[in-house]
N, C-alpha and C. Protein backbone atom coordinates (compact mmCIF):
# COMPACT_ATOMS: atom_id res chain seq x y z
N MET A 1 0.85 -1.19 0.00
CA MET A 1 0.00 0.00 0.00
C MET A 1 0.89 1.25 0.00
N SER A 2 0.62 2.20 -0.92
CA SER A 2 1.41 3.42 -0.98
C SER A 2 1.01 4.36 0.15
N ASP A 3 1.91 5.33 0.45
CA ASP A 3 1.61 6.30 1.49
C ASP A 3 0.31 7.04 1.18
N ALA A 4 0.04 7.27 -0.12
CA ALA A 4 -1.13 8.05 -0.52
C ALA A 4 -2.43 7.25 -0.39
N GLN A 5 -2.34 5.97 -0.04
CA GLN A 5 -3.54 5.16 0.11
C GLN A 5 -3.82 4.81 1.57
N LEU A 6 -3.06 5.39 2.49
CA LEU A 6 -3.21 5.04 3.90
C LEU A 6 -4.53 5.57 4.45
N THR A 7 -5.19 4.78 5.27
CA THR A 7 -6.48 5.16 5.84
C THR A 7 -6.28 5.86 7.17
N ASN A 8 -7.40 6.26 7.79
CA ASN A 8 -7.33 6.92 9.08
C ASN A 8 -6.57 6.09 10.09
N THR A 9 -6.78 4.78 10.08
CA THR A 9 -6.22 3.94 11.14
C THR A 9 -4.78 3.54 10.89
N ASP A 10 -4.31 3.61 9.63
CA ASP A 10 -2.95 3.17 9.38
C ASP A 10 -2.04 4.27 8.84
N PHE A 11 -2.48 5.53 8.92
CA PHE A 11 -1.65 6.60 8.37
C PHE A 11 -0.31 6.70 9.08
N THR A 12 -0.22 6.18 10.30
CA THR A 12 1.05 6.26 11.03
C THR A 12 2.11 5.35 10.42
N GLU A 13 1.73 4.56 9.43
CA GLU A 13 2.71 3.73 8.73
C GLU A 13 3.36 4.48 7.56
N ALA A 14 2.93 5.70 7.29
CA ALA A 14 3.52 6.49 6.20
C ALA A 14 5.02 6.66 6.40
N THR A 15 5.77 6.70 5.30
CA THR A 15 7.22 6.82 5.38
C THR A 15 7.73 8.22 5.06
N GLU A 16 6.89 9.06 4.46
CA GLU A 16 7.26 10.45 4.20
C GLU A 16 5.99 11.30 4.19
N PRO A 17 6.11 12.62 4.47
CA PRO A 17 4.92 13.42 4.73
C PRO A 17 4.17 13.96 3.53
N TYR A 18 4.82 14.18 2.41
CA TYR A 18 4.16 14.92 1.33
C TYR A 18 3.05 14.13 0.67
N ARG A 19 3.26 12.85 0.42
CA ARG A 19 2.19 12.04 -0.18
C ARG A 19 1.03 11.88 0.79
N LEU A 20 1.35 11.76 2.07
CA LEU A 20 0.29 11.66 3.07
C LEU A 20 -0.51 12.95 3.12
N PHE A 21 0.17 14.10 3.07
CA PHE A 21 -0.54 15.38 3.06
C PHE A 21 -1.43 15.49 1.82
N ALA A 22 -0.92 15.08 0.68
CA ALA A 22 -1.72 15.15 -0.55
C ALA A 22 -2.98 14.32 -0.42
N ASP A 23 -2.86 13.15 0.19
CA ASP A 23 -4.00 12.27 0.39
C ASP A 23 -5.03 12.92 1.31
N TRP A 24 -4.55 13.50 2.41
CA TRP A 24 -5.46 14.15 3.35
C TRP A 24 -6.13 15.38 2.73
N LEU A 25 -5.37 16.13 1.93
CA LEU A 25 -5.95 17.31 1.29
C LEU A 25 -7.05 16.90 0.30
N LYS A 26 -6.85 15.82 -0.43
CA LYS A 26 -7.89 15.34 -1.33
C LYS A 26 -9.16 14.98 -0.56
N ASP A 27 -8.97 14.34 0.58
CA ASP A 27 -10.13 14.01 1.42
C ASP A 27 -10.84 15.29 1.88
N ALA A 28 -10.06 16.30 2.25
CA ALA A 28 -10.63 17.56 2.72
C ALA A 28 -11.39 18.27 1.60
N GLU A 29 -10.89 18.17 0.38
CA GLU A 29 -11.56 18.81 -0.75
C GLU A 29 -12.95 18.21 -0.99
N LYS A 30 -13.15 16.97 -0.57
CA LYS A 30 -14.44 16.30 -0.73
C LYS A 30 -15.39 16.58 0.43
N SER A 31 -14.83 16.87 1.62
CA SER A 31 -15.67 16.93 2.81
C SER A 31 -15.83 18.32 3.42
N GLU A 32 -14.89 19.22 3.17
CA GLU A 32 -14.96 20.55 3.78
C GLU A 32 -15.91 21.44 2.97
N ILE A 33 -16.80 22.12 3.66
CA ILE A 33 -17.78 22.97 2.97
C ILE A 33 -17.10 24.17 2.32
N ASN A 34 -16.19 24.80 3.04
CA ASN A 34 -15.51 25.99 2.52
C ASN A 34 -14.00 25.87 2.67
N ASP A 35 -13.28 26.25 1.63
CA ASP A 35 -11.83 26.45 1.68
C ASP A 35 -11.05 25.32 2.35
N PRO A 36 -10.96 24.15 1.74
CA PRO A 36 -10.15 23.08 2.31
C PRO A 36 -8.67 23.43 2.39
N THR A 37 -8.26 24.46 1.63
CA THR A 37 -6.85 24.88 1.66
C THR A 37 -6.58 25.96 2.70
N ALA A 38 -7.60 26.32 3.49
CA ALA A 38 -7.41 27.35 4.52
C ALA A 38 -6.49 26.84 5.63
N LEU A 39 -5.65 27.73 6.12
CA LEU A 39 -4.71 27.38 7.18
C LEU A 39 -4.46 28.58 8.07
N ALA A 40 -4.10 28.31 9.31
CA ALA A 40 -3.70 29.36 10.23
C ALA A 40 -2.19 29.55 10.09
N LEU A 41 -1.79 30.76 9.75
CA LEU A 41 -0.38 31.08 9.55
C LEU A 41 0.15 31.86 10.74
N ALA A 42 1.20 31.35 11.36
CA ALA A 42 1.78 31.99 12.55
C ALA A 42 3.13 32.62 12.21
N THR A 43 3.30 33.85 12.69
CA THR A 43 4.56 34.57 12.52
C THR A 43 4.89 35.24 13.85
N VAL A 44 6.03 35.93 13.90
CA VAL A 44 6.45 36.64 15.10
C VAL A 44 6.86 38.05 14.69
N ASP A 45 6.41 39.06 15.45
CA ASP A 45 6.76 40.43 15.09
C ASP A 45 8.13 40.82 15.64
N ALA A 46 8.52 42.07 15.44
CA ALA A 46 9.86 42.52 15.82
C ALA A 46 10.08 42.47 17.32
N ASP A 47 9.00 42.47 18.11
CA ASP A 47 9.12 42.39 19.56
C ASP A 47 9.05 40.95 20.07
N GLY A 48 8.96 39.99 19.15
CA GLY A 48 8.89 38.60 19.55
C GLY A 48 7.50 38.14 19.92
N LEU A 49 6.48 38.96 19.62
CA LEU A 49 5.10 38.62 19.97
C LEU A 49 4.47 37.83 18.82
N PRO A 50 3.91 36.65 19.10
CA PRO A 50 3.31 35.84 18.03
C PRO A 50 2.09 36.52 17.41
N ASN A 51 1.84 36.17 16.18
CA ASN A 51 0.70 36.68 15.43
C ASN A 51 0.17 35.54 14.57
N VAL A 52 -1.15 35.44 14.41
CA VAL A 52 -1.71 34.35 13.60
C VAL A 52 -2.92 34.86 12.85
N ARG A 53 -3.11 34.33 11.62
CA ARG A 53 -4.26 34.69 10.80
C ARG A 53 -4.49 33.57 9.77
N MET A 54 -5.65 33.59 9.14
CA MET A 54 -5.98 32.58 8.14
C MET A 54 -5.54 33.04 6.75
N VAL A 55 -4.92 32.12 6.01
CA VAL A 55 -4.58 32.36 4.61
C VAL A 55 -4.93 31.08 3.83
N LEU A 56 -4.73 31.12 2.52
CA LEU A 56 -5.02 29.95 1.69
C LEU A 56 -3.74 29.38 1.09
N LEU A 57 -3.61 28.09 1.16
CA LEU A 57 -2.49 27.40 0.51
C LEU A 57 -2.71 27.45 -1.00
N LYS A 58 -1.67 27.84 -1.74
CA LYS A 58 -1.80 27.94 -3.19
C LYS A 58 -0.94 26.94 -3.94
N GLY A 59 -0.21 26.13 -3.22
CA GLY A 59 0.57 25.10 -3.88
C GLY A 59 1.48 24.41 -2.88
N PHE A 60 1.81 23.17 -3.17
CA PHE A 60 2.79 22.46 -2.35
C PHE A 60 3.40 21.34 -3.16
N ASP A 61 4.63 21.04 -2.85
CA ASP A 61 5.34 19.90 -3.43
C ASP A 61 6.47 19.56 -2.48
N ALA A 62 7.44 18.79 -2.93
CA ALA A 62 8.53 18.38 -2.06
C ALA A 62 9.42 19.54 -1.63
N GLN A 63 9.23 20.71 -2.26
CA GLN A 63 10.02 21.89 -1.88
C GLN A 63 9.36 22.66 -0.74
N GLY A 64 8.05 22.50 -0.54
CA GLY A 64 7.40 23.20 0.55
C GLY A 64 5.98 23.63 0.23
N PHE A 65 5.47 24.53 1.09
CA PHE A 65 4.07 24.97 1.05
C PHE A 65 4.03 26.46 0.71
N VAL A 66 3.25 26.82 -0.31
CA VAL A 66 3.29 28.18 -0.87
C VAL A 66 1.98 28.93 -0.62
N PHE A 67 2.10 30.20 -0.25
CA PHE A 67 0.96 31.11 -0.16
C PHE A 67 1.43 32.48 -0.64
N TYR A 68 0.47 33.35 -0.98
CA TYR A 68 0.78 34.66 -1.54
C TYR A 68 0.19 35.77 -0.66
N THR A 69 0.86 36.92 -0.69
CA THR A 69 0.40 38.03 0.14
C THR A 69 1.06 39.33 -0.28
N ASN A 70 0.59 40.40 0.30
CA ASN A 70 1.22 41.71 0.18
C ASN A 70 2.41 41.74 1.14
N PHE A 71 3.61 41.94 0.61
CA PHE A 71 4.81 41.92 1.45
C PHE A 71 4.87 43.11 2.40
N GLU A 72 4.02 44.13 2.17
CA GLU A 72 3.99 45.28 3.06
C GLU A 72 2.93 45.12 4.15
N SER A 73 2.22 44.00 4.15
CA SER A 73 1.24 43.72 5.20
C SER A 73 1.97 43.31 6.47
N ALA A 74 1.22 43.15 7.57
CA ALA A 74 1.84 42.74 8.82
C ALA A 74 2.54 41.39 8.68
N LYS A 75 1.84 40.42 8.08
CA LYS A 75 2.46 39.09 7.94
C LYS A 75 3.66 39.14 7.00
N GLY A 76 3.55 39.96 5.95
CA GLY A 76 4.67 40.09 5.03
C GLY A 76 5.90 40.65 5.72
N ARG A 77 5.70 41.72 6.48
CA ARG A 77 6.84 42.35 7.18
C ARG A 77 7.41 41.40 8.23
N GLU A 78 6.54 40.69 8.93
CA GLU A 78 7.01 39.79 9.99
C GLU A 78 7.80 38.62 9.42
N ILE A 79 7.34 38.08 8.30
CA ILE A 79 8.08 36.99 7.70
C ILE A 79 9.41 37.48 7.14
N LEU A 80 9.40 38.62 6.47
CA LEU A 80 10.65 39.16 5.94
C LEU A 80 11.64 39.47 7.04
N GLY A 81 11.14 39.76 8.24
CA GLY A 81 12.01 40.07 9.37
C GLY A 81 12.68 38.86 9.97
N SER A 82 12.04 37.69 9.87
CA SER A 82 12.60 36.49 10.49
C SER A 82 12.88 35.36 9.50
N MET A 83 12.14 35.37 8.38
CA MET A 83 12.20 34.30 7.36
C MET A 83 11.92 32.94 7.99
N LYS A 84 10.97 32.93 8.93
CA LYS A 84 10.49 31.71 9.56
C LYS A 84 8.99 31.82 9.76
N ALA A 85 8.28 30.69 9.72
CA ALA A 85 6.83 30.72 9.94
C ALA A 85 6.34 29.30 10.25
N ALA A 86 5.08 29.24 10.68
CA ALA A 86 4.43 27.95 10.94
C ALA A 86 3.00 28.04 10.43
N MET A 87 2.43 26.89 10.10
CA MET A 87 1.05 26.85 9.64
C MET A 87 0.34 25.64 10.22
N CYS A 88 -0.97 25.77 10.33
CA CYS A 88 -1.78 24.69 10.87
C CYS A 88 -3.05 24.54 10.03
N PHE A 89 -3.26 23.35 9.49
CA PHE A 89 -4.50 23.01 8.80
C PHE A 89 -5.39 22.26 9.79
N HIS A 90 -6.67 22.62 9.83
CA HIS A 90 -7.62 21.87 10.67
C HIS A 90 -8.85 21.58 9.84
N TRP A 91 -9.08 20.29 9.58
CA TRP A 91 -10.24 19.86 8.81
C TRP A 91 -11.23 19.22 9.76
N LYS A 92 -12.16 20.02 10.24
CA LYS A 92 -13.07 19.58 11.28
C LYS A 92 -13.94 18.42 10.82
N SER A 93 -14.34 18.43 9.55
CA SER A 93 -15.20 17.37 9.05
C SER A 93 -14.51 16.01 9.08
N LEU A 94 -13.18 16.03 9.03
CA LEU A 94 -12.39 14.79 9.04
C LEU A 94 -11.76 14.51 10.40
N ARG A 95 -11.86 15.49 11.30
CA ARG A 95 -11.21 15.39 12.60
C ARG A 95 -9.70 15.16 12.44
N ARG A 96 -9.12 15.98 11.56
CA ARG A 96 -7.71 15.89 11.27
C ARG A 96 -7.04 17.25 11.36
N GLN A 97 -5.76 17.24 11.66
CA GLN A 97 -4.96 18.46 11.74
C GLN A 97 -3.56 18.16 11.22
N VAL A 98 -2.97 19.15 10.54
CA VAL A 98 -1.57 19.05 10.11
C VAL A 98 -0.87 20.34 10.50
N ARG A 99 0.26 20.21 11.17
CA ARG A 99 1.07 21.37 11.53
C ARG A 99 2.39 21.32 10.77
N VAL A 100 2.81 22.51 10.29
CA VAL A 100 4.03 22.64 9.49
C VAL A 100 4.82 23.82 10.02
N ARG A 101 6.14 23.68 10.13
CA ARG A 101 6.95 24.84 10.48
C ARG A 101 8.34 24.71 9.88
N GLY A 102 8.96 25.88 9.64
CA GLY A 102 10.28 25.86 9.06
C GLY A 102 10.70 27.21 8.53
N PRO A 103 11.86 27.30 7.92
CA PRO A 103 12.32 28.54 7.31
C PRO A 103 11.49 28.87 6.07
N VAL A 104 11.54 30.13 5.68
CA VAL A 104 10.73 30.62 4.57
C VAL A 104 11.63 31.18 3.48
N GLU A 105 11.23 30.98 2.23
CA GLU A 105 11.91 31.62 1.11
C GLU A 105 10.87 32.30 0.24
N ILE A 106 11.30 33.27 -0.53
CA ILE A 106 10.41 33.97 -1.47
C ILE A 106 10.35 33.18 -2.76
N VAL A 107 9.17 33.01 -3.31
CA VAL A 107 9.04 32.29 -4.58
C VAL A 107 9.69 33.11 -5.69
N THR A 108 9.94 32.48 -6.81
CA THR A 108 10.54 33.19 -7.94
C THR A 108 9.53 34.14 -8.56
N ASP A 109 10.03 35.15 -9.28
CA ASP A 109 9.13 36.08 -9.98
C ASP A 109 8.25 35.32 -10.97
N ALA A 110 8.81 34.29 -11.60
CA ALA A 110 8.04 33.53 -12.57
C ALA A 110 6.87 32.81 -11.89
N GLU A 111 7.11 32.26 -10.72
CA GLU A 111 6.03 31.60 -9.97
C GLU A 111 4.96 32.59 -9.58
N ALA A 112 5.39 33.75 -9.04
CA ALA A 112 4.43 34.76 -8.60
C ALA A 112 3.62 35.31 -9.78
N ASP A 113 4.29 35.56 -10.91
CA ASP A 113 3.59 36.06 -12.08
C ASP A 113 2.57 35.05 -12.59
N ALA A 114 2.96 33.78 -12.60
CA ALA A 114 2.05 32.75 -13.10
C ALA A 114 0.81 32.63 -12.24
N TYR A 115 0.98 32.66 -10.91
CA TYR A 115 -0.19 32.58 -10.05
C TYR A 115 -1.04 33.85 -10.15
N TYR A 116 -0.39 35.01 -10.13
CA TYR A 116 -1.12 36.28 -10.19
C TYR A 116 -2.01 36.34 -11.43
N ALA A 117 -1.52 35.78 -12.53
CA ALA A 117 -2.28 35.81 -13.79
C ALA A 117 -3.55 34.97 -13.72
N THR A 118 -3.61 34.02 -12.77
CA THR A 118 -4.80 33.17 -12.64
C THR A 118 -5.87 33.81 -11.77
N ARG A 119 -5.54 34.87 -11.06
CA ARG A 119 -6.50 35.47 -10.13
C ARG A 119 -7.58 36.24 -10.89
N PRO A 120 -8.79 36.33 -10.35
CA PRO A 120 -9.83 37.14 -10.98
C PRO A 120 -9.34 38.59 -11.14
N ARG A 121 -9.84 39.26 -12.14
CA ARG A 121 -9.40 40.63 -12.42
C ARG A 121 -9.60 41.53 -11.20
N GLY A 122 -10.73 41.36 -10.50
CA GLY A 122 -10.99 42.18 -9.32
C GLY A 122 -9.97 41.95 -8.23
N SER A 123 -9.50 40.72 -8.09
CA SER A 123 -8.49 40.43 -7.07
C SER A 123 -7.16 41.05 -7.44
N ARG A 124 -6.86 41.09 -8.74
CA ARG A 124 -5.61 41.73 -9.17
C ARG A 124 -5.67 43.24 -8.93
N ILE A 125 -6.83 43.83 -9.16
CA ILE A 125 -7.01 45.26 -8.85
C ILE A 125 -6.85 45.47 -7.35
N GLY A 126 -7.43 44.57 -6.56
CA GLY A 126 -7.35 44.69 -5.11
C GLY A 126 -5.93 44.66 -4.59
N ALA A 127 -5.06 43.91 -5.25
CA ALA A 127 -3.66 43.86 -4.83
C ALA A 127 -2.99 45.23 -4.95
N TRP A 128 -3.45 46.02 -5.90
CA TRP A 128 -2.93 47.39 -6.05
C TRP A 128 -3.64 48.36 -5.10
N ALA A 129 -4.93 48.19 -4.92
CA ALA A 129 -5.72 49.19 -4.20
C ALA A 129 -5.61 49.11 -2.69
N SER A 130 -5.33 47.92 -2.14
CA SER A 130 -5.33 47.75 -0.69
C SER A 130 -3.94 47.92 -0.10
N ALA A 131 -3.81 48.91 0.78
CA ALA A 131 -2.57 49.08 1.56
C ALA A 131 -2.70 48.18 2.78
N GLN A 132 -2.62 46.90 2.57
CA GLN A 132 -2.99 45.89 3.55
C GLN A 132 -2.34 46.10 4.91
N SER A 133 -3.15 45.99 5.96
CA SER A 133 -2.75 46.08 7.38
C SER A 133 -2.53 47.50 7.87
N ARG A 134 -2.62 48.49 6.98
CA ARG A 134 -2.42 49.87 7.42
C ARG A 134 -3.76 50.55 7.70
N PRO A 135 -3.77 51.62 8.50
CA PRO A 135 -5.03 52.25 8.89
C PRO A 135 -5.85 52.70 7.67
N LEU A 136 -7.17 52.48 7.75
CA LEU A 136 -8.10 52.87 6.70
C LEU A 136 -9.10 53.85 7.28
N GLU A 137 -9.16 55.05 6.73
CA GLU A 137 -10.01 56.09 7.31
C GLU A 137 -11.49 55.84 7.09
N GLY A 138 -11.82 55.01 6.12
CA GLY A 138 -13.22 54.69 5.87
C GLY A 138 -13.35 53.82 4.64
N ARG A 139 -14.48 53.15 4.52
CA ARG A 139 -14.70 52.25 3.39
C ARG A 139 -14.60 52.98 2.06
N PHE A 140 -15.03 54.24 2.06
CA PHE A 140 -15.02 55.02 0.81
C PHE A 140 -13.61 55.15 0.26
N ALA A 141 -12.63 55.29 1.14
CA ALA A 141 -11.25 55.44 0.68
C ALA A 141 -10.78 54.20 -0.08
N LEU A 142 -11.18 53.02 0.41
CA LEU A 142 -10.83 51.78 -0.29
C LEU A 142 -11.55 51.69 -1.63
N GLU A 143 -12.85 52.02 -1.62
CA GLU A 143 -13.62 51.96 -2.85
C GLU A 143 -13.08 52.95 -3.89
N LYS A 144 -12.62 54.11 -3.42
CA LYS A 144 -12.04 55.10 -4.32
C LYS A 144 -10.75 54.57 -4.95
N ALA A 145 -9.93 53.93 -4.13
CA ALA A 145 -8.68 53.37 -4.65
C ALA A 145 -8.96 52.28 -5.67
N VAL A 146 -9.96 51.45 -5.41
CA VAL A 146 -10.34 50.40 -6.36
C VAL A 146 -10.78 51.02 -7.67
N ALA A 147 -11.59 52.08 -7.59
CA ALA A 147 -12.08 52.76 -8.80
C ALA A 147 -10.92 53.36 -9.59
N GLU A 148 -9.96 53.95 -8.89
CA GLU A 148 -8.81 54.57 -9.56
C GLU A 148 -7.96 53.53 -10.29
N TYR A 149 -7.69 52.41 -9.64
CA TYR A 149 -6.87 51.39 -10.28
C TYR A 149 -7.64 50.64 -11.37
N THR A 150 -8.96 50.55 -11.21
CA THR A 150 -9.78 49.95 -12.26
C THR A 150 -9.72 50.79 -13.51
N ALA A 151 -9.79 52.11 -13.35
CA ALA A 151 -9.70 53.02 -14.50
C ALA A 151 -8.30 52.98 -15.11
N LYS A 152 -7.28 52.90 -14.26
CA LYS A 152 -5.89 52.89 -14.74
C LYS A 152 -5.61 51.64 -15.55
N HIS A 153 -6.22 50.52 -15.16
CA HIS A 153 -5.98 49.25 -15.84
C HIS A 153 -7.24 48.76 -16.54
N ALA A 154 -7.93 49.70 -17.19
CA ALA A 154 -9.20 49.37 -17.84
C ALA A 154 -9.01 48.44 -19.03
N ILE A 155 -7.86 48.55 -19.68
CA ILE A 155 -7.59 47.76 -20.88
C ILE A 155 -6.30 46.97 -20.69
N GLY A 156 -6.30 45.75 -21.16
CA GLY A 156 -5.08 44.95 -21.14
C GLY A 156 -4.83 44.25 -19.82
N GLU A 157 -3.67 43.66 -19.72
CA GLU A 157 -3.31 42.92 -18.53
C GLU A 157 -2.99 43.84 -17.36
N ILE A 158 -3.19 43.33 -16.17
CA ILE A 158 -2.86 44.08 -14.96
C ILE A 158 -1.55 43.51 -14.41
N PRO A 159 -0.49 44.29 -14.39
CA PRO A 159 0.80 43.76 -13.92
C PRO A 159 0.77 43.46 -12.43
N ARG A 160 1.61 42.54 -12.02
CA ARG A 160 1.71 42.20 -10.60
C ARG A 160 2.49 43.30 -9.87
N PRO A 161 1.94 43.81 -8.75
CA PRO A 161 2.69 44.81 -7.98
C PRO A 161 4.00 44.22 -7.45
N ALA A 162 5.03 45.04 -7.37
CA ALA A 162 6.33 44.57 -6.88
C ALA A 162 6.24 44.11 -5.43
N HIS A 163 5.27 44.68 -4.68
CA HIS A 163 5.15 44.34 -3.26
C HIS A 163 4.25 43.12 -3.02
N TRP A 164 3.79 42.47 -4.08
CA TRP A 164 2.89 41.33 -3.95
C TRP A 164 3.56 40.10 -4.55
N SER A 165 3.77 39.10 -3.70
CA SER A 165 4.44 37.89 -4.19
C SER A 165 4.12 36.73 -3.24
N GLY A 166 4.92 35.70 -3.30
CA GLY A 166 4.63 34.51 -2.52
C GLY A 166 5.77 34.09 -1.61
N PHE A 167 5.40 33.34 -0.58
CA PHE A 167 6.36 32.74 0.33
C PHE A 167 6.22 31.22 0.27
N ARG A 168 7.33 30.55 0.47
CA ARG A 168 7.32 29.10 0.55
C ARG A 168 7.93 28.68 1.89
N ILE A 169 7.15 27.98 2.71
CA ILE A 169 7.71 27.39 3.91
C ILE A 169 8.36 26.07 3.52
N ARG A 170 9.63 25.94 3.85
CA ARG A 170 10.37 24.70 3.59
C ARG A 170 10.44 23.94 4.91
N PRO A 171 9.56 22.99 5.12
CA PRO A 171 9.39 22.41 6.46
C PRO A 171 10.62 21.68 6.99
N VAL A 172 10.84 21.89 8.27
CA VAL A 172 11.78 21.05 8.99
C VAL A 172 11.01 20.09 9.89
N GLU A 173 9.69 20.36 10.01
CA GLU A 173 8.84 19.51 10.85
C GLU A 173 7.40 19.56 10.33
N ILE A 174 6.78 18.38 10.20
CA ILE A 174 5.38 18.26 9.81
C ILE A 174 4.74 17.22 10.72
N GLU A 175 3.63 17.61 11.35
CA GLU A 175 2.95 16.70 12.27
C GLU A 175 1.51 16.46 11.83
N PHE A 176 1.12 15.18 11.77
CA PHE A 176 -0.23 14.78 11.43
C PHE A 176 -0.95 14.32 12.70
N TRP A 177 -2.19 14.78 12.84
CA TRP A 177 -3.00 14.47 14.03
C TRP A 177 -4.36 13.99 13.57
N HIS A 178 -4.84 12.90 14.20
CA HIS A 178 -6.19 12.43 13.91
C HIS A 178 -6.92 12.12 15.20
N ASP A 179 -8.13 12.64 15.30
CA ASP A 179 -8.94 12.47 16.50
C ASP A 179 -9.28 11.00 16.73
N ARG A 180 -9.17 10.59 17.99
CA ARG A 180 -9.59 9.26 18.39
C ARG A 180 -10.41 9.37 19.68
N PRO A 181 -11.23 8.37 20.01
CA PRO A 181 -12.08 8.45 21.20
C PRO A 181 -11.29 8.66 22.49
N PHE A 182 -11.90 9.34 23.44
CA PHE A 182 -11.35 9.56 24.78
C PHE A 182 -10.04 10.36 24.75
N ARG A 183 -9.89 11.18 23.69
CA ARG A 183 -8.71 12.03 23.52
C ARG A 183 -7.42 11.22 23.39
N LEU A 184 -7.53 9.97 22.99
CA LEU A 184 -6.35 9.13 22.76
C LEU A 184 -6.01 9.20 21.27
N HIS A 185 -5.67 10.42 20.85
CA HIS A 185 -5.49 10.71 19.44
C HIS A 185 -4.22 10.07 18.87
N ASP A 186 -4.20 9.96 17.54
CA ASP A 186 -2.99 9.52 16.84
C ASP A 186 -2.22 10.76 16.40
N ARG A 187 -0.92 10.76 16.70
CA ARG A 187 -0.05 11.86 16.27
C ARG A 187 1.20 11.26 15.63
N LEU A 188 1.56 11.78 14.46
CA LEU A 188 2.73 11.31 13.75
C LEU A 188 3.56 12.51 13.34
N GLN A 189 4.80 12.55 13.80
CA GLN A 189 5.68 13.69 13.54
C GLN A 189 6.82 13.29 12.61
N PHE A 190 7.00 14.08 11.56
CA PHE A 190 8.14 13.93 10.66
C PHE A 190 9.10 15.09 10.90
N LYS A 191 10.39 14.78 11.04
CA LYS A 191 11.42 15.80 11.17
C LYS A 191 12.47 15.60 10.09
N ARG A 192 12.89 16.72 9.49
CA ARG A 192 13.87 16.66 8.42
C ARG A 192 15.20 16.13 8.96
N GLU A 193 15.74 15.13 8.29
CA GLU A 193 17.05 14.57 8.64
C GLU A 193 17.85 14.44 7.35
N GLY A 194 18.72 15.44 7.10
CA GLY A 194 19.47 15.45 5.85
C GLY A 194 18.54 15.59 4.67
N ASP A 195 18.62 14.64 3.73
CA ASP A 195 17.75 14.67 2.56
C ASP A 195 16.47 13.88 2.77
N GLY A 196 16.31 13.30 3.95
CA GLY A 196 15.12 12.49 4.23
C GLY A 196 14.35 12.96 5.45
N TRP A 197 13.53 12.06 5.98
CA TRP A 197 12.68 12.38 7.12
C TRP A 197 12.79 11.32 8.19
N GLY A 198 12.89 11.77 9.43
CA GLY A 198 12.76 10.89 10.56
C GLY A 198 11.31 10.90 11.00
N LYS A 199 10.82 9.81 11.55
CA LYS A 199 9.41 9.70 11.92
C LYS A 199 9.29 9.24 13.36
N THR A 200 8.37 9.90 14.10
CA THR A 200 8.14 9.56 15.49
C THR A 200 6.65 9.60 15.81
N ARG A 201 6.15 8.58 16.48
CA ARG A 201 4.78 8.65 17.00
C ARG A 201 4.84 9.36 18.34
N LEU A 202 3.85 10.23 18.59
CA LEU A 202 3.83 11.04 19.80
C LEU A 202 2.63 10.67 20.67
N TYR A 203 2.82 10.77 21.98
CA TYR A 203 1.67 10.65 22.87
C TYR A 203 0.67 11.76 22.55
N PRO A 204 -0.63 11.49 22.69
CA PRO A 204 -1.63 12.53 22.42
C PRO A 204 -1.62 13.63 23.47
């Protein structure tokens, strides 16, 4: 049986995390009502105070987990300040959780351009119009900015702003959790060891 075919009861037999994550994500895409790719992203500010918010996963492979944002936002500045982050997926319908943490790298311009081109036109305008995380004097100011950038880019393609791109977490640790009765849950932790992964079962 391949890692990608492991069931709830035997997932702890997986030998590496990425195929197992792909399998769980496919299950979530079938069972979660909204946004199976939603995750809680944790960062730390310049004072060492943790910060967390929800974002969407936009890609993953053996290199890591990718999401996109405004680099001038709070999360953008915090990640650029430490180049480290953590994320947590929780699929309530499946009673499953996956935690990921590690160093962060910026995706290539080609990757960012390719993803940006797939976004709805309104979302591309929004990337220009929103000074994300900064004070907003009123809703009208945002709507005015949207109108201005809509007029500016009325025809043709909308270029990607230089301050908008993607981050990739390159995990050093990935933990899979599955709910079991009486809080005797299954936990499986993978830790990066050279070019491979070490695996440990954890007490719940």
